[in-house]
Amino acid sequence: MAEPAPTGTRPEPRDAVPVRHPGRWVAIAVLAVLAAMLVHTLLTNDNFGWSLVGEYLFSGPILRGLQNTLILTVLSMLIGILGGIGLAVMRLSPNPVLSGVAGVYLWLFRGTPLIAQLLFWSYLSALYPNLSLGIPFGPEFVVFDTNTLISPFLACLLGLGLNEAAYMAEIVRGGIQSVDHGQTEAAEALGMTRVQTLRRVILPQAMRVIVPPTGNETIGMLKTTSLVVVIGYTELLTSAQRIYSTNFQTIPLLIVAAAWYLLLTSLLTAGQRVIERRYGRGVAGAVTEGTPLLRSRLLGKSGEGQA
C-alpha cells in the first residue's frame, strides 16, 4: 500500500487522457457523405431548373403574392394578439358569463378546421344576403350587400385572425397565470385597478412566457396564409401555382416560393430571439436560445461582470 503524500506537498501531475468519441466521427463521416450527395444532385440535376428559379424569384407576380402574404400575416396576427388578450382576460374573469363566452369561443374556433372557417366567411352571403345596422327586432338604418362587404381579403382576415385569437388566448392565459399571485395582491394594496394591474404589473412579467409561442404562431401564420387559396385570394404560393399551371415548370416555381418562405421565417426567428433576450434579462436560464457562439459570448460577458 502506497504511503500518503506528506502534508503540504504538491501531488505529482498525472497525464489526463481525453475521452474517446468514435461515434461522433462516424456520424460526421455519414453526414459529410450525405451533404456531398445533396450538393452533387443540386448541381447536376437539370430538373431543378435553377435558371428559371433566378428568373422568377423577383418577378412581378411573385412579389405581389409575397406582398399579400406579408399583409395577411401582419394584420391577422394583430387581430389574433389583440383578440387573444381580450379572450384571456375574459377567460380568467371571476364573472361566469364572460368566462363562459370566452370558453365557447375557444371551443368553436379551435374545434373546427381553419379551411372550413375561411370558406364560411367567404360564403357568408349564402346565409345572410344582406347585413344591416339598426334596432334589434326593429327598423334597419343601414343595409349592406354581404358579397360587397365581405371581400375575399376581408374573408381572409376574418378567418385567419379570429382563428388565431383562440390560440393566442391560451398562450396569453398561460403567461398571465405564470406570474405569482403575490404581484396582483401587491398591486391591489397600492390601490391599482384591475386594468392597471394587468397593464403595468402582470403583462410585462408574463411577456417572458408569452413571446416564444407567439413567435412560433407568427411563423406558422406566415405559412398558414397559403390556405387562402381555397377562397381564391392570391398570395405567394398561389402566385407560384398560377405561373406553373401555364408553363408547367412546377419544381422551379415551388423552389421560388420555398426560398421566400425560408428567408422570411429566418428573419422572424432572428427577431423572436432578440425579443426573447430583451424580456428574459435578469432571469436565470434566459440565455438558452441562439447559436453556441452567441450563448458563449453572453455568458462570458456576464462572467466578466461578476468577476
Protein backbone atom coordinates (compact mmCIF):
# COMPACT_ATOMS: atom_id res chain seq x y z
CA MET A 1 0.00 0.00 0.00
CA ALA A 2 1.41 3.38 -1.08
CA GLU A 3 2.23 5.81 1.70
CA PRO A 4 0.20 9.06 1.68
CA ALA A 5 1.98 12.15 0.47
CA PRO A 6 3.39 14.37 3.23
CA THR A 7 1.17 17.25 4.26
CA GLY A 8 1.86 20.47 2.38
CA THR A 9 3.50 18.84 -0.65
CA ARG A 10 2.10 19.15 -4.17
CA PRO A 11 0.85 15.86 -5.68
CA GLU A 12 2.62 14.57 -8.75
CA PRO A 13 0.95 15.62 -12.04
CA ARG A 14 -0.90 12.96 -13.98
CA ASP A 15 -1.42 12.75 -17.69
CA ALA A 16 -5.13 13.30 -18.50
CA VAL A 17 -6.38 11.02 -21.24
CA PRO A 18 -9.25 12.62 -23.25
CA VAL A 19 -12.43 10.61 -23.57
CA ARG A 20 -12.76 8.94 -26.95
CA HIS A 21 -15.87 9.57 -29.01
CA PRO A 22 -15.71 7.24 -32.00
CA GLY A 23 -19.45 7.59 -32.60
CA ARG A 24 -19.02 11.29 -33.32
CA TRP A 25 -16.53 10.66 -36.09
CA VAL A 26 -18.80 8.03 -37.63
CA ALA A 27 -21.73 10.44 -37.54
CA ILE A 28 -19.59 13.22 -39.07
CA ALA A 29 -18.48 10.90 -41.86
CA VAL A 30 -22.05 9.83 -42.62
CA LEU A 31 -23.28 13.43 -42.62
CA ALA A 32 -20.39 14.51 -44.86
CA VAL A 33 -21.27 11.83 -47.41
CA LEU A 34 -24.97 12.81 -47.33
CA ALA A 35 -24.08 16.51 -47.71
CA ALA A 36 -21.83 15.73 -50.68
CA MET A 37 -24.61 13.70 -52.30
CA LEU A 38 -27.07 16.58 -51.78
CA VAL A 39 -24.71 19.16 -53.28
CA HIS A 40 -23.98 16.85 -56.21
CA THR A 41 -27.65 16.32 -57.07
CA LEU A 42 -28.40 20.04 -56.71
CA LEU A 43 -25.64 20.91 -59.16
CA THR A 44 -26.11 18.11 -61.68
CA ASN A 45 -29.86 17.55 -61.82
CA ASP A 46 -31.21 19.88 -64.53
CA ASN A 47 -34.80 19.26 -63.41
CA PHE A 48 -34.33 21.73 -60.56
CA GLY A 49 -34.25 24.48 -63.18
CA TRP A 50 -32.05 26.94 -61.33
CA SER A 51 -32.09 29.36 -64.26
CA LEU A 52 -35.89 29.53 -64.02
CA VAL A 53 -35.64 29.97 -60.27
CA GLY A 54 -33.47 33.04 -60.77
CA GLU A 55 -35.79 34.31 -63.50
CA TYR A 56 -38.96 34.14 -61.39
CA LEU A 57 -37.54 34.89 -57.93
CA PHE A 58 -38.11 38.64 -58.30
CA SER A 59 -40.83 38.57 -60.95
CA GLY A 60 -43.85 40.83 -60.61
CA PRO A 61 -46.49 38.17 -59.83
CA ILE A 62 -44.28 36.54 -57.18
CA LEU A 63 -43.52 39.86 -55.48
CA ARG A 64 -47.22 40.83 -55.48
CA GLY A 65 -48.09 37.50 -53.93
CA LEU A 66 -45.31 38.00 -51.38
CA GLN A 67 -46.72 41.42 -50.52
CA ASN A 68 -50.19 39.95 -49.96
CA THR A 69 -48.70 37.21 -47.77
CA LEU A 70 -46.93 39.76 -45.58
CA ILE A 71 -50.02 41.96 -45.26
CA LEU A 72 -52.18 39.00 -44.30
CA THR A 73 -49.61 37.78 -41.77
CA VAL A 74 -49.21 41.15 -40.04
CA LEU A 75 -52.91 42.04 -39.90
CA SER A 76 -54.05 38.55 -38.94
CA MET A 77 -51.51 38.35 -36.11
CA LEU A 78 -52.54 41.82 -34.94
CA ILE A 79 -56.17 40.68 -34.77
CA GLY A 80 -55.11 37.44 -33.11
CA ILE A 81 -52.94 39.08 -30.45
CA LEU A 82 -55.45 41.78 -29.51
CA GLY A 83 -58.31 39.30 -29.56
CA GLY A 84 -56.27 36.75 -27.63
CA ILE A 85 -55.51 39.23 -24.85
CA GLY A 86 -59.19 40.12 -24.54
CA LEU A 87 -60.28 36.47 -24.54
CA ALA A 88 -57.62 35.51 -21.99
CA VAL A 89 -58.78 38.25 -19.63
CA MET A 90 -62.38 37.14 -20.09
CA ARG A 91 -61.41 33.51 -19.52
CA LEU A 92 -59.72 34.42 -16.23
CA SER A 93 -62.52 36.75 -15.14
CA PRO A 94 -64.47 35.83 -11.99
CA ASN A 95 -67.59 36.75 -13.95
CA PRO A 96 -69.04 33.39 -15.08
CA VAL A 97 -70.77 34.98 -18.08
CA LEU A 98 -67.55 36.44 -19.51
CA SER A 99 -65.63 33.27 -18.75
CA GLY A 100 -68.32 31.14 -20.36
CA VAL A 101 -68.47 33.27 -23.53
CA ALA A 102 -64.69 33.04 -23.90
CA GLY A 103 -64.81 29.30 -23.33
CA VAL A 104 -67.44 28.83 -26.06
CA TYR A 105 -65.37 30.95 -28.46
CA LEU A 106 -62.26 28.84 -27.85
CA TRP A 107 -64.25 25.62 -28.19
CA LEU A 108 -65.75 26.72 -31.51
CA PHE A 109 -62.72 28.22 -33.25
CA ARG A 110 -60.19 25.64 -32.05
CA GLY A 111 -62.54 22.77 -32.72
CA THR A 112 -63.24 23.47 -36.41
CA PRO A 113 -60.73 23.38 -39.30
CA LEU A 114 -59.33 26.70 -40.46
CA ILE A 115 -60.22 25.90 -44.07
CA ALA A 116 -63.85 25.45 -43.04
CA GLN A 117 -63.78 28.82 -41.30
CA LEU A 118 -62.29 30.53 -44.37
CA LEU A 119 -64.98 29.00 -46.56
CA PHE A 120 -67.68 30.03 -44.09
CA TRP A 121 -66.67 33.71 -44.19
CA SER A 122 -66.32 33.59 -47.96
CA TYR A 123 -69.83 32.15 -48.40
CA LEU A 124 -71.48 34.19 -45.66
CA SER A 125 -73.81 35.73 -48.27
CA ALA A 126 -75.44 32.32 -48.73
CA LEU A 127 -76.57 32.57 -45.11
CA TYR A 128 -77.13 36.32 -44.88
CA PRO A 129 -77.54 38.02 -48.29
CA ASN A 130 -77.66 41.40 -46.53
CA LEU A 131 -76.12 42.73 -43.33
CA SER A 132 -77.71 45.69 -41.59
CA LEU A 133 -77.37 48.09 -38.68
CA GLY A 134 -80.42 49.05 -36.69
CA ILE A 135 -82.52 48.34 -33.65
CA PRO A 136 -82.69 44.62 -32.72
CA PHE A 137 -86.00 43.17 -33.95
CA GLY A 138 -86.85 46.70 -35.18
CA PRO A 139 -86.15 49.01 -38.11
CA GLU A 140 -82.92 48.83 -40.07
CA PHE A 141 -80.98 52.04 -40.63
CA VAL A 142 -78.19 50.87 -42.96
CA VAL A 143 -78.19 47.77 -45.18
CA PHE A 144 -75.09 46.31 -46.85
CA ASP A 145 -74.80 43.72 -49.56
CA THR A 146 -72.83 40.87 -47.98
CA ASN A 147 -70.92 39.99 -51.16
CA THR A 148 -69.77 43.60 -51.45
CA LEU A 149 -68.96 43.98 -47.75
CA ILE A 150 -67.15 40.66 -47.23
CA SER A 151 -64.50 40.82 -49.94
CA PRO A 152 -62.02 37.93 -50.37
CA PHE A 153 -59.40 39.94 -48.49
CA LEU A 154 -61.73 40.61 -45.56
CA ALA A 155 -62.81 36.96 -45.53
CA CYS A 156 -59.12 36.00 -45.24
CA LEU A 157 -58.60 38.39 -42.34
CA LEU A 158 -61.69 37.18 -40.50
CA GLY A 159 -60.81 33.53 -40.99
CA LEU A 160 -57.13 33.82 -40.07
CA GLY A 161 -57.41 36.49 -37.39
CA LEU A 162 -60.37 35.12 -35.44
CA ASN A 163 -58.92 31.61 -35.53
CA GLU A 164 -55.56 32.86 -34.32
CA ALA A 165 -57.23 34.76 -31.46
CA ALA A 166 -58.42 31.47 -30.00
CA TYR A 167 -54.88 30.07 -29.86
CA MET A 168 -53.33 33.33 -28.66
CA ALA A 169 -55.89 33.43 -25.83
CA GLU A 170 -54.47 30.22 -24.38
CA ILE A 171 -50.90 31.49 -24.79
CA VAL A 172 -51.70 34.76 -23.01
CA ARG A 173 -53.67 32.93 -20.32
CA GLY A 174 -50.69 30.68 -19.61
CA GLY A 175 -48.40 33.71 -19.43
CA ILE A 176 -50.69 35.55 -17.01
CA GLN A 177 -51.03 32.52 -14.77
CA SER A 178 -47.24 32.12 -14.67
CA VAL A 179 -46.93 35.39 -12.72
CA ASP A 180 -47.01 34.91 -8.97
CA HIS A 181 -50.34 35.88 -7.41
CA GLY A 182 -48.48 37.97 -4.87
CA GLN A 183 -47.79 40.50 -7.61
CA THR A 184 -51.52 41.07 -8.02
CA GLU A 185 -52.03 41.37 -4.28
CA ALA A 186 -49.21 43.92 -4.02
CA ALA A 187 -50.70 45.98 -6.86
CA GLU A 188 -54.11 45.93 -5.23
CA ALA A 189 -52.53 47.05 -1.95
CA LEU A 190 -51.10 50.05 -3.82
CA GLY A 191 -54.60 50.94 -5.00
CA MET A 192 -54.24 49.88 -8.64
CA THR A 193 -57.33 48.89 -10.57
CA ARG A 194 -57.62 45.53 -12.28
CA VAL A 195 -56.79 47.08 -15.65
CA GLN A 196 -53.78 48.96 -14.27
CA THR A 197 -52.52 45.82 -12.56
CA LEU A 198 -52.82 43.85 -15.78
CA ARG A 199 -51.16 46.50 -17.93
CA ARG A 200 -48.39 47.65 -15.59
CA VAL A 201 -47.60 44.59 -13.50
CA ILE A 202 -48.86 41.29 -14.91
CA LEU A 203 -48.37 41.57 -18.68
CA PRO A 204 -44.78 42.93 -18.55
CA GLN A 205 -43.76 39.94 -16.44
CA ALA A 206 -45.84 37.49 -18.47
CA MET A 207 -44.16 38.55 -21.72
CA ARG A 208 -41.20 36.26 -20.97
CA VAL A 209 -43.59 33.31 -21.24
CA ILE A 210 -45.80 34.76 -23.98
CA VAL A 211 -43.14 35.80 -26.51
CA PRO A 212 -41.68 32.38 -27.56
CA PRO A 213 -45.00 30.73 -28.50
CA THR A 214 -46.20 33.98 -30.07
CA GLY A 215 -43.13 33.96 -32.30
CA ASN A 216 -43.92 30.40 -33.30
CA GLU A 217 -47.51 31.39 -34.04
CA THR A 218 -46.30 34.24 -36.25
CA ILE A 219 -44.04 31.93 -38.22
CA GLY A 220 -46.90 29.46 -38.51
CA MET A 221 -49.24 32.22 -39.68
CA LEU A 222 -46.81 33.17 -42.44
CA LYS A 223 -47.15 29.68 -43.88
CA THR A 224 -50.82 29.25 -43.00
CA THR A 225 -51.73 32.13 -45.31
CA SER A 226 -51.26 29.66 -48.18
CA LEU A 227 -54.64 28.16 -47.21
CA VAL A 228 -56.47 31.21 -48.54
CA VAL A 229 -56.16 29.65 -51.98
CA VAL A 230 -59.43 27.85 -51.17
CA ILE A 231 -61.34 31.15 -51.44
CA GLY A 232 -59.43 32.44 -54.46
CA TYR A 233 -57.20 35.04 -52.84
CA THR A 234 -53.74 35.44 -54.36
CA GLU A 235 -50.72 35.14 -52.09
CA LEU A 236 -47.18 33.82 -52.55
CA LEU A 237 -47.87 30.13 -53.10
CA THR A 238 -50.98 30.85 -55.18
CA SER A 239 -48.91 33.13 -57.44
CA ALA A 240 -46.38 30.35 -57.96
CA GLN A 241 -49.16 27.86 -58.70
CA ARG A 242 -50.71 30.13 -61.31
CA ILE A 243 -47.39 30.51 -63.06
CA TYR A 244 -46.52 26.82 -63.19
CA SER A 245 -50.05 25.98 -64.31
CA THR A 246 -49.25 27.82 -67.54
CA ASN A 247 -45.58 26.96 -68.14
CA PHE A 248 -45.62 23.53 -66.41
CA GLN A 249 -42.37 24.27 -64.55
CA THR A 250 -43.67 23.03 -61.22
CA ILE A 251 -40.43 22.34 -59.33
CA PRO A 252 -38.64 25.65 -60.09
CA LEU A 253 -41.70 27.68 -59.06
CA LEU A 254 -42.12 25.69 -55.85
CA ILE A 255 -38.44 26.34 -55.09
CA VAL A 256 -39.06 30.07 -55.61
CA ALA A 257 -41.93 30.04 -53.11
CA ALA A 258 -39.96 27.91 -50.64
CA ALA A 259 -36.96 30.27 -50.87
CA TRP A 260 -39.09 33.27 -49.92
CA TYR A 261 -40.74 31.37 -47.07
CA LEU A 262 -37.34 30.29 -45.74
CA LEU A 263 -36.00 33.84 -45.90
CA LEU A 264 -39.00 35.31 -44.09
CA THR A 265 -39.09 32.62 -41.41
CA SER A 266 -35.36 33.13 -40.81
CA LEU A 267 -35.90 36.87 -40.30
CA LEU A 268 -38.83 36.22 -37.96
CA THR A 269 -36.79 33.69 -35.98
CA ALA A 270 -33.95 36.20 -35.54
CA GLY A 271 -36.41 38.86 -34.41
CA GLN A 272 -38.02 36.43 -31.99
CA ARG A 273 -34.67 35.68 -30.35
CA VAL A 274 -33.91 39.37 -29.92
CA ILE A 275 -37.28 39.96 -28.23
CA GLU A 276 -36.85 36.88 -26.04
CA ARG A 277 -33.46 38.11 -24.81
CA ARG A 278 -34.96 41.53 -24.09
CA TYR A 279 -37.77 40.17 -21.92
CA GLY A 280 -35.56 37.45 -20.43
CA ARG A 281 -32.98 39.81 -18.95
CA GLY A 282 -32.29 39.15 -15.30
CA VAL A 283 -33.97 35.74 -15.37
CA ALA A 284 -31.92 32.66 -14.57
CA GLY A 285 -31.56 30.41 -17.60
CA ALA A 286 -32.76 33.10 -20.01
CA VAL A 287 -29.73 32.61 -22.28
CA THR A 288 -30.95 29.36 -23.76
CA GLU A 289 -31.61 30.32 -27.35
CA GLY A 290 -29.34 31.31 -30.19
CA THR A 291 -26.15 29.84 -31.55
CA PRO A 292 -23.48 28.32 -29.25
CA LEU A 293 -21.17 31.23 -30.12
CA LEU A 294 -23.81 33.77 -29.06
CA ARG A 295 -24.51 31.92 -25.82
CA SER A 296 -20.80 31.72 -25.00
CA ARG A 297 -20.35 35.45 -25.62
CA LEU A 298 -23.32 36.39 -23.45
CA LEU A 299 -22.29 34.04 -20.68
CA GLY A 300 -18.71 35.28 -20.94
CA LYS A 301 -19.81 38.90 -20.54
CA SER A 302 -21.92 38.01 -17.52
CA GLY A 303 -18.95 36.16 -16.01
CA GLU A 304 -16.68 39.19 -16.54
CA GLY A 305 -19.26 41.39 -14.84
CA GLN A 306 -19.42 39.06 -11.86
CA ALA A 307 -15.63 38.94 -11.66
